[in-house]
Amino acid sequence: MPFYGQGAWTRGTDQTFPTNVSNQTITGIPSTASRFRIKFFDISSSGAGYVYMRVGHSGGMITSNYYGNSNYHYYSVTDSTGSAFNDRIGLSSSNWDAANYTWCGFIEFEKIKTSGSSNIWLFNNSVFETSGGYWSSHRIMYEGRGFAPLGSNILDRIAVYITSGNFDNGTYSLDYLV
């Protein structure tokens, strides 16, 4: 939904994660974007790893100074836990890692501060796992939030990583608002 003074969302097309690699860089985020979202469906890996992201710019990926967490909640038993990260954006808690897990969801980014030396992006994600039985039997949900400071750099890419093995399935798309 557009906000006052902004245009409509530009919708991306589905792209397939390449197989036999452990990371995928998504480019095409305009320098004028104020908000963007990455939607993903059926991400899985050949190993027992979990999925995370990093933001980047023309000079490379940011590997430190994140302020974020990734949490899960079992709605069937009121059990929750989370993982704090300062080197990445977690899409699930770091203890949820099995080769048969399949991840679906989205992550949204919104620029919350812009000045010459301080560009800061807030992120929120909502993710669920569809093949391990936890969604249907326990109604488990994963969520995360935080922010990524980029200094004077302009965010123009996101990298998606698997911690073990390689991608063996999944699609993604990038939508943005300028």
Foldseek 3Di string as FASTA:
>chain_A
DDDPPWDDKDWWDKDKDDWPAFKDKDFDDDLPFQKKKKWKWFWAFQFFWFKWKFWDFPVDTQQFQWFKKKKKAQPQVGDIDIDTDGGTGGPHHGVRTGRQWTKGWMKMWGFPDDDQFWTKIKMKIKMDTDGPCSCVPRVMIMMMITMDIDTNGRTGMMMMGTPDGTIDTMIMTMMTID
